[in-house]
Protein backbone atom coordinates (compact mmCIF):
# COMPACT_ATOMS: atom_id res chain seq x y z
CA MET A 1 -4.42 13.60 1.04
CA VAL A 2 -1.03 14.38 2.58
CA LYS A 3 -2.69 15.74 5.72
CA SER A 4 -4.85 12.61 6.02
CA PHE A 5 -1.79 10.41 5.60
CA ILE A 6 0.15 12.30 8.30
CA ILE A 7 -2.77 12.13 10.75
CA SER A 8 -3.34 8.43 10.07
CA MET A 9 0.38 7.71 10.38
CA ILE A 10 0.63 9.52 13.71
CA ILE A 11 -2.35 7.59 15.07
CA SER A 12 -0.88 4.27 13.90
CA ILE A 13 2.61 4.94 15.26
CA PHE A 14 1.15 6.06 18.60
CA LEU A 15 -1.03 2.95 18.96
CA ILE A 16 1.72 0.59 17.79
CA THR A 17 4.21 2.18 20.21
CA ILE A 18 1.79 1.61 23.10
CA LEU A 19 1.35 -1.99 21.91
CA ASP A 20 5.13 -2.47 21.69
CA ILE A 21 5.66 -1.12 25.20
CA PHE A 22 2.99 -3.47 26.50
CA LEU A 23 4.49 -6.41 24.59
CA ASN A 24 7.97 -5.63 25.89
CA LYS A 25 6.74 -5.65 29.50
CA ASN A 26 4.88 -8.90 28.92
CA SER A 27 7.85 -10.52 27.23
CA ASN A 28 10.07 -9.56 30.17
CA SER A 29 7.63 -11.07 32.68
CA LEU A 30 7.48 -14.24 30.57
CA LYS A 31 11.28 -14.20 30.19
CA LYS A 32 10.78 -14.08 26.44
CA LYS A 33 13.02 -11.52 24.78
CA ILE A 34 11.64 -9.60 21.80
CA SER A 35 14.54 -7.99 19.95
CA TRP A 36 14.69 -4.41 18.70
CA GLN A 37 14.99 -5.81 15.18
CA HIS A 38 11.44 -7.16 15.50
CA TYR A 39 10.11 -3.75 16.46
CA PHE A 40 12.12 -2.06 13.69
CA PHE A 41 10.67 -4.30 10.97
CA GLY A 42 7.28 -3.91 12.65
CA TYR A 43 7.41 -0.16 12.05
CA LEU A 44 8.44 -0.82 8.43
CA PHE A 45 5.37 -3.04 8.15
CA ILE A 46 3.15 -0.26 9.52
CA LEU A 47 4.70 2.26 7.09
CA TYR A 48 4.06 -0.11 4.17
CA LEU A 49 0.44 -0.68 5.21
CA MET A 50 -0.21 3.03 5.71
CA ILE A 51 1.26 4.01 2.33
CA SER A 52 -0.72 1.19 0.71
CA LEU A 53 -4.05 2.23 2.22
CA THR A 54 -3.73 6.00 1.88
CA GLU A 55 -1.65 6.51 -1.26
CA VAL A 56 -2.15 3.43 -3.43
CA VAL A 57 -5.50 1.64 -3.10
CA GLY A 58 -7.85 4.49 -2.18
CA PHE A 59 -9.29 3.28 1.11
CA PRO A 60 -12.40 5.10 2.43
CA TYR A 61 -12.12 7.95 4.94
CA LEU A 62 -14.72 8.86 7.52
CA SER A 63 -14.26 12.54 6.56
CA ASP A 64 -15.14 11.70 2.93
CA TRP A 65 -18.29 9.89 4.08
CA GLN A 66 -19.28 12.96 6.11
CA ARG A 67 -18.66 15.24 3.11
CA LEU A 68 -20.69 13.02 0.78
CA SER A 69 -23.49 12.90 3.34
CA ARG A 70 -23.61 16.71 3.52
CA LEU A 71 -23.85 16.82 -0.29
CA ASN A 72 -26.61 14.18 -0.27
CA MET A 73 -24.41 11.90 -2.35
CA PRO A 74 -24.28 8.12 -1.87
CA ILE A 75 -21.55 6.57 0.28
CA PHE A 76 -21.94 3.16 -1.33
CA ASN A 77 -20.52 3.32 -4.87
CA PRO A 78 -20.22 -0.26 -6.15
CA VAL A 79 -18.25 -0.86 -9.34
CA ILE A 80 -17.49 -4.58 -9.42
CA ASN A 81 -15.71 -6.84 -11.89
CA LEU A 82 -16.09 -10.56 -11.18
CA VAL A 83 -14.78 -11.81 -14.53
CA PRO A 84 -11.04 -12.55 -14.42
CA PHE A 85 -8.94 -10.88 -17.15
CA ASN A 86 -11.94 -9.80 -19.24
CA ASP A 87 -9.79 -6.94 -20.59
CA GLY A 88 -6.66 -9.06 -20.95
CA PHE A 89 -3.48 -8.84 -18.90
CA GLU A 90 -2.62 -5.22 -18.09
CA ILE A 91 0.42 -3.51 -16.57
CA SER A 92 -1.67 -2.80 -13.46
CA SER A 93 -1.72 -6.55 -12.81
CA ILE A 94 2.07 -6.62 -12.55
CA LEU A 95 1.98 -3.55 -10.30
CA ASN A 96 -0.49 -5.33 -7.99
CA ILE A 97 1.89 -8.26 -7.70
CA ILE A 98 4.76 -5.94 -6.77
CA PHE A 99 2.50 -3.98 -4.43
CA PHE A 100 1.69 -7.06 -2.31
CA MET A 101 5.17 -8.61 -2.26
CA PRO A 102 6.23 -6.68 0.90
CA PHE A 103 3.15 -8.07 2.66
CA GLY A 104 4.22 -11.65 1.92
CA PHE A 105 7.82 -10.79 2.84
CA LEU A 106 7.26 -8.95 6.15
CA LEU A 107 4.77 -11.35 7.75
CA PRO A 108 7.28 -14.24 7.99
CA THR A 109 10.00 -11.74 8.86
CA LEU A 110 8.08 -10.77 11.99
CA TRP A 111 6.21 -13.90 13.11
CA LYS A 112 7.27 -17.55 13.08
CA LYS A 113 3.81 -18.93 12.23
CA TYR A 114 3.91 -17.12 8.87
CA ARG A 115 7.02 -18.99 7.83
CA LYS A 116 4.49 -21.53 6.61
CA LEU A 117 2.84 -20.53 3.36
CA LEU A 118 -0.83 -21.13 4.18
CA PRO A 119 -1.12 -18.64 7.12
CA THR A 120 0.66 -15.99 5.03
CA LEU A 121 -1.54 -16.72 2.03
CA PHE A 122 -4.71 -16.52 4.16
CA ASN A 123 -3.74 -13.11 5.54
CA GLY A 124 -2.78 -11.84 2.09
CA ILE A 125 -6.20 -12.82 0.73
CA LEU A 126 -7.93 -11.34 3.80
CA PHE A 127 -6.11 -7.99 3.53
CA SER A 128 -6.81 -7.86 -0.20
CA LEU A 129 -10.51 -8.57 0.42
CA ILE A 130 -10.66 -5.76 2.98
CA ILE A 131 -9.18 -3.39 0.38
CA GLU A 132 -11.61 -4.50 -2.35
CA ILE A 133 -14.62 -4.24 -0.02
CA GLY A 134 -13.42 -0.80 1.13
CA GLN A 135 -13.32 0.38 -2.48
CA LEU A 136 -17.06 -0.24 -2.74
CA PHE A 137 -17.37 2.87 -0.58
CA VAL A 138 -14.96 5.08 -2.56
CA PRO A 139 -16.17 7.04 -5.61
CA TYR A 140 -14.50 6.20 -8.93
CA ARG A 141 -12.89 3.04 -7.54
CA ALA A 142 -13.59 -0.51 -8.73
CA SER A 143 -13.53 -3.77 -6.79
CA ASP A 144 -11.83 -6.16 -9.20
CA ILE A 145 -11.33 -9.93 -9.01
CA ASN A 146 -8.10 -9.40 -10.97
CA ASP A 147 -6.70 -7.32 -8.11
CA LEU A 148 -7.51 -10.08 -5.65
CA ILE A 149 -5.77 -12.69 -7.83
CA MET A 150 -2.69 -10.54 -8.45
CA ASN A 151 -2.45 -9.50 -4.80
CA THR A 152 -2.52 -13.17 -3.80
CA ILE A 153 0.26 -13.96 -6.28
CA GLY A 154 2.23 -11.01 -4.91
CA THR A 155 1.86 -12.38 -1.37
CA ILE A 156 3.20 -15.75 -2.50
CA CYS A 157 6.12 -14.11 -4.34
CA GLY A 158 7.01 -12.08 -1.24
CA TRP A 159 6.94 -15.24 0.89
CA ILE A 160 9.23 -17.04 -1.57
CA ILE A 161 11.66 -14.10 -1.61
CA PHE A 162 11.74 -14.12 2.20
CA ASN A 163 12.61 -17.82 2.25
CA ILE A 164 15.47 -17.23 -0.19
CA ILE A 165 16.86 -14.19 1.65
CA SER A 166 16.40 -15.74 5.11
CA LYS A 167 18.76 -18.54 4.14
CA ILE A 168 21.43 -15.93 3.40
CA PHE A 169 20.72 -13.65 6.38
CA HIS A 170 19.60 -16.40 8.75
CA LYS A 171 21.01 -14.70 11.86
CA LEU A 172 18.99 -11.53 11.19
CA ALA A 173 15.92 -13.60 10.31
CA ASN A 174 16.15 -15.30 13.71
CA LYS A 175 16.34 -11.92 15.49
CA THR A 176 13.36 -10.30 13.76
CA VAL A 177 10.94 -13.15 14.39
CA VAL A 178 8.62 -13.83 17.33
CA GLU A 179 7.50 -17.38 17.99
CA ILE A 180 4.10 -17.48 19.69
CA SER A 181 3.42 -20.13 22.34
CA SER A 182 0.37 -21.09 24.39
CA ASN A 183 1.89 -19.40 27.46
CA ASP A 184 2.07 -15.98 25.80
CA SER A 185 -0.31 -13.17 26.65
CA MET A 186 -3.27 -12.48 24.39
CA ALA A 187 -1.57 -9.29 23.13
CA ILE A 188 1.41 -11.29 21.87
CA LYS A 189 -0.88 -13.87 20.27
CA LEU A 190 -2.87 -11.15 18.51
CA GLU A 191 0.10 -8.93 17.63
CA SER A 192 0.11 -9.70 13.90
CA TYR A 193 -3.62 -9.03 13.59
CA LEU A 194 -3.32 -5.77 15.54
CA TYR A 195 -0.51 -4.63 13.26
CA ILE A 196 -2.92 -4.97 10.33
CA ALA A 197 -6.08 -3.71 12.08
CA ILE A 198 -4.51 -0.52 13.50
CA PRO A 199 -3.50 0.97 10.08
CA ILE A 200 -6.93 0.10 8.65
CA ILE A 201 -8.75 1.84 11.51
CA SER A 202 -6.31 4.76 11.55
CA THR A 203 -6.70 5.30 7.80
CA PHE A 204 -10.48 5.31 8.04
CA LEU A 205 -10.51 7.75 10.96
CA GLY A 206 -7.75 9.90 9.49
């Protein structure tokens, strides 16, 4: 597990660094400065996503699929709960809220469009869905509607905390953020999605 995490982390950092270099060159040509604070919090975001996928939620690995295939064992292992709170409210529900709070906090820290709740909420639900779908392909893991609900609440809590803290540290909040315009390159427009997609792909390949 540690080896997989290190490999996945190296892949992610390498790809994100290439993306950041490309973005920096594009921002200079567009006379649009992207501060080092944005890149710093971007790497924190990558670290959070990588730890989440490899150490917390149990995301599938290509190497595990290959091992299961050699053992003639199924890759698809669906254990699904679609009934909310059928076992009551457990401590894991609170942990899921805490687990997703950095997601709701870091998105608006990095990109201006996520300083509105709905785009942040949409991405929180999307990332949570990707995790739950991924767990259909991991032995002894369950895809649970409770996790989706709690993760969504965690995203909202993180967004609220950002809005409180940003009022106190408003100068830093203005330095970390990138505001996307119609004149920006496609890489800048897709930066937030690439930051999420790269750890997912790196984890799977790692």
